Amino acid sequence: MDDAEKLIGLIPVDTVNWYAQTARVTYFLYRREYDQAIAELKSIFARPDFSQHEWNAWCYPALGWAQQWKGDAAMAKVTFSEGRERLEALRQDTKGTRLLVRWLSSVYAGLGDKKAALREAQQAVATTADDAFYGPWYEANLAQIEALFGEVDSCMTRLSRLIQIPAGLTIADLKLNPAWDPVRGDQRFEKLVADLKPKGADK
């Protein structure tokens, strides 16, 4: 994480690059620095052109989960509810791009709507089944939702595949991402992470 911190420090504070923004927020979430992640996301919401770009839809689930993981369930519910309204409206305007559907699944998960969350996540996976680059990212999202709602067997089957394919999951994500907290302690998950660890990594 020290090396990551150096790289994150090179990103201009006022960047509007989507990849740079997500990298910075992800870094804060991995470090469990939720206040910093929330501040970063709110600065994006505050931009005059925020609503003009569909890709900014990721900010709703990201902010909601940062608030939830921080322990502010009330604010998280407000964010998830606003996200659902905004993203469903965008779906009508854009006919539901796969990226939008992916964010919707996370918003519904945050609201505790298991049926809707799984439906949207499965739809996103179905539309990217033949996409070797982005497909694993959408499938990882489905695995996270399965973990959240106790569908552990399905989640583990999916993870076992995702760690073996290009563009799949990394040991860093499995170890650091709060989204996997629901399955931490499960022997299958812990073994999966241990098996991924390079020899001598703990020395």
Protein backbone atom coordinates (compact mmCIF):
# COMPACT_ATOMS: atom_id res chain seq x y z
CA MET A 1 0.00 0.00 0.00
CA ASP A 2 2.97 2.31 0.48
CA ASP A 3 3.79 2.10 -3.23
CA ALA A 4 0.14 2.71 -4.04
CA GLU A 5 0.16 5.80 -1.85
CA LYS A 6 3.05 7.25 -3.84
CA LEU A 7 1.22 6.68 -7.11
CA ILE A 8 -2.06 8.07 -5.79
CA GLY A 9 -0.17 11.16 -4.68
CA LEU A 10 0.76 11.85 -8.29
CA ILE A 11 -2.89 12.26 -9.32
CA PRO A 12 -3.88 15.95 -9.56
CA VAL A 13 -6.38 16.89 -6.88
CA ASP A 14 -8.75 18.41 -9.44
CA THR A 15 -8.58 15.56 -11.95
CA VAL A 16 -11.76 14.72 -13.85
CA ASN A 17 -10.35 11.51 -15.26
CA TRP A 18 -12.70 8.64 -14.44
CA TYR A 19 -9.95 6.08 -13.96
CA ALA A 20 -7.93 8.38 -11.72
CA GLN A 21 -10.97 9.19 -9.59
CA THR A 22 -11.93 5.56 -9.13
CA ALA A 23 -8.33 4.65 -8.30
CA ARG A 24 -8.20 7.27 -5.55
CA VAL A 25 -11.55 6.27 -4.06
CA THR A 26 -10.63 2.58 -4.25
CA TYR A 27 -7.35 3.31 -2.48
CA PHE A 28 -9.15 5.01 0.41
CA LEU A 29 -11.68 2.18 0.66
CA TYR A 30 -8.96 -0.46 0.69
CA ARG A 31 -7.27 1.40 3.54
CA ARG A 32 -10.65 1.70 5.27
CA GLU A 33 -10.23 5.48 5.31
CA TYR A 34 -13.91 6.06 4.78
CA ASP A 35 -13.97 9.75 5.62
CA GLN A 36 -11.42 10.42 2.89
CA ALA A 37 -13.36 8.31 0.38
CA ILE A 38 -16.58 10.14 1.26
CA ALA A 39 -14.92 13.54 0.91
CA GLU A 40 -13.47 12.55 -2.47
CA LEU A 41 -16.84 11.34 -3.73
CA LYS A 42 -18.69 14.42 -2.48
CA SER A 43 -16.23 16.62 -4.34
CA ILE A 44 -17.20 14.79 -7.53
CA PHE A 45 -20.91 15.21 -6.78
CA ALA A 46 -20.32 18.95 -6.34
CA ARG A 47 -18.96 19.50 -9.83
CA PRO A 48 -21.22 21.53 -12.14
CA ASP A 49 -21.09 18.89 -14.86
CA PHE A 50 -21.70 15.90 -12.57
CA SER A 51 -25.14 15.01 -13.93
CA GLN A 52 -24.03 15.35 -17.55
CA HIS A 53 -21.92 12.20 -17.55
CA GLU A 54 -23.42 8.74 -17.22
CA TRP A 55 -20.17 7.29 -15.91
CA ASN A 56 -20.51 9.42 -12.78
CA ALA A 57 -23.29 7.05 -11.77
CA TRP A 58 -20.65 4.96 -9.97
CA CYS A 59 -20.49 7.66 -7.29
CA TYR A 60 -23.88 6.69 -5.85
CA PRO A 61 -23.05 3.11 -4.87
CA ALA A 62 -19.48 4.07 -3.95
CA LEU A 63 -20.64 6.81 -1.58
CA GLY A 64 -23.42 4.67 -0.15
CA TRP A 65 -21.07 1.80 0.66
CA ALA A 66 -18.42 4.12 2.10
CA GLN A 67 -21.07 5.52 4.43
CA GLN A 68 -22.37 2.05 5.27
CA TRP A 69 -18.91 0.68 6.03
CA LYS A 70 -18.16 3.75 8.14
CA GLY A 71 -21.22 2.89 10.22
CA ASP A 72 -23.56 5.67 9.05
CA ALA A 73 -26.45 3.46 7.92
CA ALA A 74 -28.94 6.35 7.84
CA MET A 75 -26.93 8.43 5.38
CA ALA A 76 -26.11 5.33 3.35
CA LYS A 77 -29.81 4.62 2.93
CA VAL A 78 -30.40 8.19 1.73
CA THR A 79 -27.57 7.89 -0.81
CA PHE A 80 -28.70 4.49 -2.06
CA SER A 81 -32.29 5.74 -2.39
CA GLU A 82 -31.20 8.81 -4.34
CA GLY A 83 -28.99 6.57 -6.45
CA ARG A 84 -31.84 4.23 -7.27
CA GLU A 85 -34.01 7.15 -8.40
CA ARG A 86 -31.25 8.74 -10.47
CA LEU A 87 -30.01 5.53 -12.05
CA GLU A 88 -33.47 4.24 -12.90
CA ALA A 89 -34.15 7.57 -14.62
CA LEU A 90 -30.89 7.24 -16.52
CA ARG A 91 -31.89 3.72 -17.53
CA GLN A 92 -34.96 5.12 -19.23
CA ASP A 93 -32.84 7.67 -21.08
CA THR A 94 -30.06 5.32 -22.12
CA LYS A 95 -31.97 2.02 -22.46
CA GLY A 96 -29.83 0.57 -19.70
CA THR A 97 -26.17 0.25 -20.57
CA ARG A 98 -24.38 -2.68 -18.92
CA LEU A 99 -22.34 -0.27 -16.80
CA LEU A 100 -25.47 1.42 -15.50
CA VAL A 101 -27.04 -1.95 -14.71
CA ARG A 102 -23.93 -2.89 -12.74
CA TRP A 103 -24.19 0.25 -10.59
CA LEU A 104 -27.90 -0.34 -10.11
CA SER A 105 -27.23 -3.82 -8.76
CA SER A 106 -24.93 -2.34 -6.11
CA VAL A 107 -27.47 0.32 -5.17
CA TYR A 108 -30.23 -2.26 -4.77
CA ALA A 109 -27.86 -4.39 -2.70
CA GLY A 110 -27.25 -1.41 -0.44
CA LEU A 111 -30.99 -1.04 0.03
CA GLY A 112 -31.24 -4.70 1.02
CA ASP A 113 -33.28 -5.66 -2.06
CA LYS A 114 -31.73 -9.07 -2.74
CA LYS A 115 -34.03 -9.99 -5.62
CA ALA A 116 -33.42 -6.75 -7.54
CA ALA A 117 -29.69 -6.71 -6.80
CA LEU A 118 -29.16 -10.24 -8.06
CA ARG A 119 -31.37 -9.63 -11.09
CA GLU A 120 -29.41 -6.58 -12.19
CA ALA A 121 -26.03 -8.16 -11.45
CA GLN A 122 -26.93 -11.30 -13.37
CA GLN A 123 -28.15 -9.22 -16.28
CA ALA A 124 -24.85 -7.33 -16.38
CA VAL A 125 -22.93 -10.63 -16.36
CA ALA A 126 -25.09 -12.03 -19.15
CA THR A 127 -24.34 -9.06 -21.40
CA THR A 128 -20.58 -9.46 -20.90
CA ALA A 129 -20.29 -13.24 -21.07
CA ASP A 130 -18.07 -13.05 -24.17
CA ASP A 131 -16.04 -10.06 -22.97
CA ALA A 132 -12.73 -11.39 -21.67
CA PHE A 133 -11.63 -7.98 -20.40
CA TYR A 134 -14.69 -6.50 -18.70
CA GLY A 135 -16.65 -9.70 -18.10
CA PRO A 136 -14.72 -10.75 -14.96
CA TRP A 137 -15.30 -7.32 -13.41
CA TYR A 138 -19.05 -7.72 -13.76
CA GLU A 139 -18.91 -11.27 -12.45
CA ALA A 140 -16.91 -10.14 -9.41
CA ASN A 141 -19.70 -7.67 -8.66
CA LEU A 142 -22.20 -10.52 -8.75
CA ALA A 143 -19.98 -12.54 -6.40
CA GLN A 144 -19.88 -9.62 -3.95
CA ILE A 145 -23.67 -9.39 -3.97
CA GLU A 146 -23.94 -13.14 -3.44
CA ALA A 147 -21.56 -12.83 -0.49
CA LEU A 148 -23.58 -9.98 0.98
CA PHE A 149 -26.84 -11.93 0.89
CA GLY A 150 -25.43 -15.20 2.16
CA GLU A 151 -25.23 -17.04 -1.16
CA VAL A 152 -21.80 -18.24 -0.11
CA ASP A 153 -21.61 -21.47 -2.11
CA SER A 154 -22.36 -19.67 -5.35
CA CYS A 155 -19.95 -16.89 -4.43
CA MET A 156 -17.11 -19.31 -3.74
CA THR A 157 -17.66 -21.19 -6.98
CA ARG A 158 -17.49 -17.89 -8.82
CA LEU A 159 -14.38 -16.72 -6.97
CA SER A 160 -12.56 -19.98 -7.66
CA ARG A 161 -13.00 -19.32 -11.36
CA LEU A 162 -12.26 -15.60 -11.24
CA ILE A 163 -8.84 -16.03 -9.65
CA GLN A 164 -7.74 -18.28 -12.48
CA ILE A 165 -8.57 -16.15 -15.50
CA PRO A 166 -6.97 -13.06 -17.05
CA ALA A 167 -8.54 -9.79 -15.88
CA GLY A 168 -9.98 -11.69 -12.93
CA LEU A 169 -9.58 -10.99 -9.23
CA THR A 170 -6.28 -10.25 -7.53
CA ILE A 171 -5.04 -11.18 -4.09
CA ALA A 172 -4.95 -7.47 -3.20
CA ASP A 173 -8.65 -7.06 -3.90
CA LEU A 174 -9.58 -10.18 -1.95
CA LYS A 175 -7.45 -9.16 1.01
CA LEU A 176 -8.31 -5.47 1.17
CA ASN A 177 -11.73 -4.83 -0.37
CA PRO A 178 -14.40 -4.35 2.35
CA ALA A 179 -16.95 -5.87 -0.04
CA TRP A 180 -15.53 -9.32 0.78
CA ASP A 181 -15.96 -8.87 4.54
CA PRO A 182 -19.17 -10.97 4.59
CA VAL A 183 -17.16 -14.07 3.66
CA ARG A 184 -14.01 -13.40 5.67
CA GLY A 185 -13.63 -16.20 8.14
CA ASP A 186 -15.17 -18.73 5.76
CA GLN A 187 -12.57 -21.47 5.46
CA ARG A 188 -12.97 -21.66 1.68
CA PHE A 189 -12.36 -17.96 1.27
CA GLU A 190 -9.37 -17.93 3.58
CA LYS A 191 -7.84 -20.91 1.78
CA LEU A 192 -8.40 -19.26 -1.57
CA VAL A 193 -6.54 -16.14 -0.41
CA ALA A 194 -3.76 -18.20 1.19
CA ASP A 195 -3.27 -20.23 -1.99
CA LEU A 196 -2.90 -17.03 -4.01
CA LYS A 197 -0.22 -15.62 -1.71
CA PRO A 198 3.30 -15.79 -3.20
CA LYS A 199 5.68 -18.13 -1.38
CA GLY A 200 7.62 -16.31 1.30
CA ALA A 201 5.23 -13.32 1.27
CA ASP A 202 4.92 -13.39 5.07
CA LYS A 203 8.64 -13.64 5.74
